[in-house]
Amino acid sequence: MAVPLFSLSEARTELARLLPALDEIVRLRADAAELAAGESSLGGLPEFKAAQARLDELMETVQHTGAELKGFAPLLVDFPSEMDGVPVLLCWLEGDRELAWYHRTDLGFAGRRPL
Protein backbone atom coordinates (compact mmCIF):
# COMPACT_ATOMS: atom_id res chain seq x y z
CA MET A 1 0.00 0.00 0.00
CA ALA A 2 1.41 3.37 -1.03
CA VAL A 3 2.00 6.00 1.60
CA PRO A 4 -0.04 9.15 0.84
CA LEU A 5 2.20 12.10 0.05
CA PHE A 6 1.61 15.65 1.22
CA SER A 7 2.41 18.73 -0.82
CA LEU A 8 4.08 21.43 1.28
CA SER A 9 0.84 23.42 1.25
CA GLU A 10 -1.23 20.39 2.33
CA ALA A 11 1.22 19.56 5.12
CA ARG A 12 1.19 23.14 6.40
CA THR A 13 -2.61 23.20 6.36
CA GLU A 14 -2.78 19.86 8.20
CA LEU A 15 -0.21 21.01 10.76
CA ALA A 16 -2.20 24.18 11.46
CA ARG A 17 -5.25 22.01 12.05
CA LEU A 18 -3.27 19.65 14.31
CA LEU A 19 -1.47 22.27 16.43
CA PRO A 20 -4.16 22.38 19.15
CA ALA A 21 -3.97 18.57 19.48
CA LEU A 22 -0.16 18.66 19.50
CA ASP A 23 -0.18 21.35 22.19
CA GLU A 24 -2.57 19.20 24.23
CA ILE A 25 -0.27 16.17 23.82
CA VAL A 26 2.65 18.18 25.24
CA ARG A 27 0.56 19.34 28.22
CA LEU A 28 -0.88 15.89 28.92
CA ARG A 29 2.54 14.27 28.60
CA ALA A 30 3.79 16.51 31.43
CA ASP A 31 0.66 15.86 33.50
CA ALA A 32 1.00 12.09 33.03
CA ALA A 33 4.66 12.19 34.05
CA GLU A 34 3.78 14.13 37.21
CA LEU A 35 0.87 11.82 38.02
CA ALA A 36 3.05 8.73 37.48
CA ALA A 37 5.59 10.09 39.94
CA GLY A 38 2.91 10.13 42.65
CA GLU A 39 1.78 12.77 45.13
CA SER A 40 0.50 15.30 42.64
CA SER A 41 -2.01 18.08 43.08
CA LEU A 42 -3.35 16.89 39.70
CA GLY A 43 -4.80 13.74 41.28
CA GLY A 44 -3.94 10.08 41.38
CA LEU A 45 -4.38 6.87 39.43
CA PRO A 46 -7.78 7.73 37.89
CA GLU A 47 -6.41 11.03 36.54
CA PHE A 48 -3.29 9.26 35.26
CA LYS A 49 -5.40 6.68 33.40
CA ALA A 50 -7.58 9.45 31.95
CA ALA A 51 -4.50 11.35 30.75
CA GLN A 52 -3.10 8.18 29.15
CA ALA A 53 -6.41 7.47 27.40
CA ARG A 54 -6.61 11.02 26.06
CA LEU A 55 -2.97 10.85 24.89
CA ASP A 56 -3.75 7.65 22.97
CA GLU A 57 -6.77 9.33 21.38
CA LEU A 58 -4.78 12.41 20.36
CA MET A 59 -1.92 10.35 18.91
CA GLU A 60 -4.44 8.36 16.84
CA THR A 61 -5.86 11.65 15.57
CA VAL A 62 -2.41 12.65 14.32
CA GLN A 63 -1.75 9.30 12.68
CA HIS A 64 -5.15 9.20 10.92
CA THR A 65 -4.12 12.25 8.89
CA GLY A 66 -1.32 10.30 7.20
CA ALA A 67 1.33 12.12 9.23
CA GLU A 68 3.86 9.99 11.08
CA LEU A 69 4.30 10.45 14.82
CA LYS A 70 8.03 9.79 15.19
CA GLY A 71 8.81 11.01 18.69
CA PHE A 72 6.96 11.54 21.93
CA ALA A 73 9.47 13.51 24.02
CA PRO A 74 10.19 15.73 22.25
CA LEU A 75 7.15 15.43 20.01
CA LEU A 76 8.16 14.89 16.38
CA VAL A 77 5.76 14.67 13.44
CA ASP A 78 6.75 13.92 9.84
CA PHE A 79 4.65 14.42 6.72
CA PRO A 80 5.69 12.13 3.83
CA SER A 81 6.41 14.15 0.71
CA GLU A 82 8.65 14.37 -2.31
CA MET A 83 11.10 17.03 -3.54
CA ASP A 84 12.49 16.84 -7.06
CA GLY A 85 11.53 13.16 -7.22
CA VAL A 86 13.31 12.34 -3.94
CA PRO A 87 11.29 10.94 -0.99
CA VAL A 88 11.44 13.36 1.95
CA LEU A 89 9.71 13.94 5.24
CA LEU A 90 8.45 17.43 6.03
CA CYS A 91 9.49 17.63 9.65
CA TRP A 92 7.81 19.36 12.60
CA LEU A 93 9.47 19.34 16.03
CA GLU A 94 7.87 20.32 19.32
CA GLY A 95 8.30 24.06 19.82
CA ASP A 96 8.02 24.88 16.10
CA ARG A 97 4.95 26.93 15.22
CA GLU A 98 5.14 26.18 11.52
CA LEU A 99 6.46 23.56 9.15
CA ALA A 100 9.89 24.83 8.12
CA TRP A 101 12.16 21.74 7.92
CA TYR A 102 12.56 18.56 5.89
CA HIS A 103 14.92 15.64 5.60
CA ARG A 104 15.44 12.87 3.09
CA THR A 105 13.86 9.61 4.20
CA ASP A 106 17.20 7.82 4.01
CA LEU A 107 18.99 10.38 6.22
CA GLY A 108 16.57 10.77 9.09
CA PHE A 109 16.54 13.63 11.58
CA ALA A 110 20.32 14.12 11.35
CA GLY A 111 19.83 15.25 7.74
CA ARG A 112 17.25 17.89 8.67
CA ARG A 113 17.40 21.06 6.53
CA PRO A 114 15.36 24.26 6.38
CA LEU A 115 12.74 24.43 3.62
C-alpha atoms as a PDB file:
ATOM      1  CA  MET A   1       0.000   0.000   0.000  1.00  0.00           C
ATOM      2  CA  ALA A   2       1.409   3.369  -1.034  1.00  0.00           C
ATOM      3  CA  VAL A   3       1.995   6.003   1.603  1.00  0.00           C
ATOM      4  CA  PRO A   4      -0.039   9.145   0.843  1.00  0.00           C
ATOM      5  CA  LEU A   5       2.198  12.104   0.051  1.00  0.00           C
ATOM      6  CA  PHE A   6       1.607  15.654   1.222  1.00  0.00           C
ATOM      7  CA  SER A   7       2.411  18.731  -0.820  1.00  0.00           C
ATOM      8  CA  LEU A   8       4.081  21.431   1.278  1.00  0.00           C
ATOM      9  CA  SER A   9       0.841  23.416   1.249  1.00  0.00           C
ATOM     10  CA  GLU A  10      -1.228  20.392   2.331  1.00  0.00           C
ATOM     11  CA  ALA A  11       1.216  19.560   5.120  1.00  0.00           C
ATOM     12  CA  ARG A  12       1.193  23.142   6.405  1.00  0.00           C
ATOM     13  CA  THR A  13      -2.614  23.199   6.361  1.00  0.00           C
ATOM     14  CA  GLU A  14      -2.779  19.864   8.201  1.00  0.00           C
ATOM     15  CA  LEU A  15      -0.212  21.008  10.763  1.00  0.00           C
ATOM     16  CA  ALA A  16      -2.197  24.184  11.464  1.00  0.00           C
ATOM     17  CA  ARG A  17      -5.253  22.005  12.046  1.00  0.00           C
ATOM     18  CA  LEU A  18      -3.266  19.649  14.314  1.00  0.00           C
ATOM     19  CA  LEU A  19      -1.470  22.275  16.431  1.00  0.00           C
ATOM     20  CA  PRO A  20      -4.164  22.385  19.153  1.00  0.00           C
ATOM     21  CA  ALA A  21      -3.973  18.575  19.484  1.00  0.00           C
ATOM     22  CA  LEU A  22      -0.161  18.662  19.496  1.00  0.00           C
ATOM     23  CA  ASP A  23      -0.181  21.351  22.186  1.00  0.00           C
ATOM     24  CA  GLU A  24      -2.569  19.197  24.230  1.00  0.00           C
ATOM     25  CA  ILE A  25      -0.273  16.167  23.820  1.00  0.00           C
ATOM     26  CA  VAL A  26       2.646  18.183  25.238  1.00  0.00           C
ATOM     27  CA  ARG A  27       0.556  19.344  28.217  1.00  0.00           C
ATOM     28  CA  LEU A  28      -0.882  15.891  28.921  1.00  0.00           C
ATOM     29  CA  ARG A  29       2.543  14.272  28.597  1.00  0.00           C
ATOM     30  CA  ALA A  30       3.794  16.510  31.427  1.00  0.00           C
ATOM     31  CA  ASP A  31       0.663  15.858  33.501  1.00  0.00           C
ATOM     32  CA  ALA A  32       1.001  12.085  33.026  1.00  0.00           C
ATOM     33  CA  ALA A  33       4.662  12.194  34.054  1.00  0.00           C
ATOM     34  CA  GLU A  34       3.778  14.127  37.214  1.00  0.00           C
ATOM     35  CA  LEU A  35       0.867  11.817  38.018  1.00  0.00           C
ATOM     36  CA  ALA A  36       3.046   8.729  37.476  1.00  0.00           C
ATOM     37  CA  ALA A  37       5.594  10.085  39.944  1.00  0.00           C
ATOM     38  CA  GLY A  38       2.906  10.132  42.648  1.00  0.00           C
ATOM     39  CA  GLU A  39       1.780  12.773  45.134  1.00  0.00           C
ATOM     40  CA  SER A  40       0.497  15.304  42.636  1.00  0.00           C
ATOM     41  CA  SER A  41      -2.014  18.080  43.076  1.00  0.00           C
ATOM     42  CA  LEU A  42      -3.353  16.887  39.703  1.00  0.00           C
ATOM     43  CA  GLY A  43      -4.804  13.736  41.283  1.00  0.00           C
ATOM     44  CA  GLY A  44      -3.941  10.076  41.384  1.00  0.00           C
ATOM     45  CA  LEU A  45      -4.376   6.867  39.433  1.00  0.00           C
ATOM     46  CA  PRO A  46      -7.780   7.732  37.886  1.00  0.00           C
ATOM     47  CA  GLU A  47      -6.413  11.026  36.536  1.00  0.00           C
ATOM     48  CA  PHE A  48      -3.289   9.261  35.258  1.00  0.00           C
ATOM     49  CA  LYS A  49      -5.399   6.684  33.398  1.00  0.00           C
ATOM     50  CA  ALA A  50      -7.578   9.449  31.950  1.00  0.00           C
ATOM     51  CA  ALA A  51      -4.496  11.347  30.755  1.00  0.00           C
ATOM     52  CA  GLN A  52      -3.102   8.177  29.154  1.00  0.00           C
ATOM     53  CA  ALA A  53      -6.408   7.466  27.397  1.00  0.00           C
ATOM     54  CA  ARG A  54      -6.608  11.023  26.065  1.00  0.00           C
ATOM     55  CA  LEU A  55      -2.967  10.852  24.887  1.00  0.00           C
ATOM     56  CA  ASP A  56      -3.746   7.654  22.971  1.00  0.00           C
ATOM     57  CA  GLU A  57      -6.767   9.326  21.383  1.00  0.00           C
ATOM     58  CA  LEU A  58      -4.778  12.406  20.357  1.00  0.00           C
ATOM     59  CA  MET A  59      -1.917  10.355  18.909  1.00  0.00           C
ATOM     60  CA  GLU A  60      -4.437   8.359  16.839  1.00  0.00           C
ATOM     61  CA  THR A  61      -5.865  11.649  15.571  1.00  0.00           C
ATOM     62  CA  VAL A  62      -2.412  12.653  14.317  1.00  0.00           C
ATOM     63  CA  GLN A  63      -1.751   9.297  12.678  1.00  0.00           C
ATOM     64  CA  HIS A  64      -5.150   9.196  10.916  1.00  0.00           C
ATOM     65  CA  THR A  65      -4.116  12.254   8.893  1.00  0.00           C
ATOM     66  CA  GLY A  66      -1.318  10.304   7.203  1.00  0.00           C
ATOM     67  CA  ALA A  67       1.326  12.122   9.230  1.00  0.00           C
ATOM     68  CA  GLU A  68       3.858   9.988  11.082  1.00  0.00           C
ATOM     69  CA  LEU A  69       4.297  10.452  14.823  1.00  0.00           C
ATOM     70  CA  LYS A  70       8.031   9.789  15.192  1.00  0.00           C
ATOM     71  CA  GLY A  71       8.809  11.005  18.691  1.00  0.00           C
ATOM     72  CA  PHE A  72       6.959  11.538  21.933  1.00  0.00           C
ATOM     73  CA  ALA A  73       9.471  13.512  24.018  1.00  0.00           C
ATOM     74  CA  PRO A  74      10.189  15.726  22.251  1.00  0.00           C
ATOM     75  CA  LEU A  75       7.155  15.428  20.008  1.00  0.00           C
ATOM     76  CA  LEU A  76       8.161  14.887  16.384  1.00  0.00           C
ATOM     77  CA  VAL A  77       5.758  14.666  13.435  1.00  0.00           C
ATOM     78  CA  ASP A  78       6.751  13.918   9.838  1.00  0.00           C
ATOM     79  CA  PHE A  79       4.648  14.423   6.720  1.00  0.00           C
ATOM     80  CA  PRO A  80       5.685  12.125   3.833  1.00  0.00           C
ATOM     81  CA  SER A  81       6.412  14.145   0.708  1.00  0.00           C
ATOM     82  CA  GLU A  82       8.650  14.371  -2.315  1.00  0.00           C
ATOM     83  CA  MET A  83      11.099  17.031  -3.536  1.00  0.00           C
ATOM     84  CA  ASP A  84      12.485  16.838  -7.060  1.00  0.00           C
ATOM     85  CA  GLY A  85      11.533  13.160  -7.220  1.00  0.00           C
ATOM     86  CA  VAL A  86      13.309  12.341  -3.937  1.00  0.00           C
ATOM     87  CA  PRO A  87      11.292  10.940  -0.995  1.00  0.00           C
ATOM     88  CA  VAL A  88      11.445  13.357   1.947  1.00  0.00           C
ATOM     89  CA  LEU A  89       9.711  13.944   5.243  1.00  0.00           C
ATOM     90  CA  LEU A  90       8.451  17.429   6.027  1.00  0.00           C
ATOM     91  CA  CYS A  91       9.491  17.635   9.647  1.00  0.00           C
ATOM     92  CA  TRP A  92       7.812  19.360  12.602  1.00  0.00           C
ATOM     93  CA  LEU A  93       9.474  19.343  16.027  1.00  0.00           C
ATOM     94  CA  GLU A  94       7.874  20.324  19.325  1.00  0.00           C
ATOM     95  CA  GLY A  95       8.301  24.056  19.816  1.00  0.00           C
ATOM     96  CA  ASP A  96       8.019  24.878  16.101  1.00  0.00           C
ATOM     97  CA  ARG A  97       4.951  26.934  15.222  1.00  0.00           C
ATOM     98  CA  GLU A  98       5.145  26.178  11.516  1.00  0.00           C
ATOM     99  CA  LEU A  99       6.457  23.556   9.147  1.00  0.00           C
ATOM    100  CA  ALA A 100       9.890  24.833   8.123  1.00  0.00           C
ATOM    101  CA  TRP A 101      12.156  21.737   7.919  1.00  0.00           C
ATOM    102  CA  TYR A 102      12.559  18.565   5.892  1.00  0.00           C
ATOM    103  CA  HIS A 103      14.923  15.635   5.597  1.00  0.00           C
ATOM    104  CA  ARG A 104      15.442  12.866   3.092  1.00  0.00           C
ATOM    105  CA  THR A 105      13.861   9.614   4.199  1.00  0.00           C
ATOM    106  CA  ASP A 106      17.199   7.816   4.006  1.00  0.00           C
ATOM    107  CA  LEU A 107      18.993  10.380   6.222  1.00  0.00           C
ATOM    108  CA  GLY A 108      16.574  10.767   9.093  1.00  0.00           C
ATOM    109  CA  PHE A 109      16.544  13.626  11.581  1.00  0.00           C
ATOM    110  CA  ALA A 110      20.324  14.119  11.352  1.00  0.00           C
ATOM    111  CA  GLY A 111      19.831  15.246   7.735  1.00  0.00           C
ATOM    112  CA  ARG A 112      17.251  17.890   8.669  1.00  0.00           C
ATOM    113  CA  ARG A 113      17.404  21.058   6.530  1.00  0.00           C
ATOM    114  CA  PRO A 114      15.356  24.257   6.375  1.00  0.00           C
ATOM    115  CA  LEU A 115      12.742  24.426   3.616  1.00  0.00           C
END
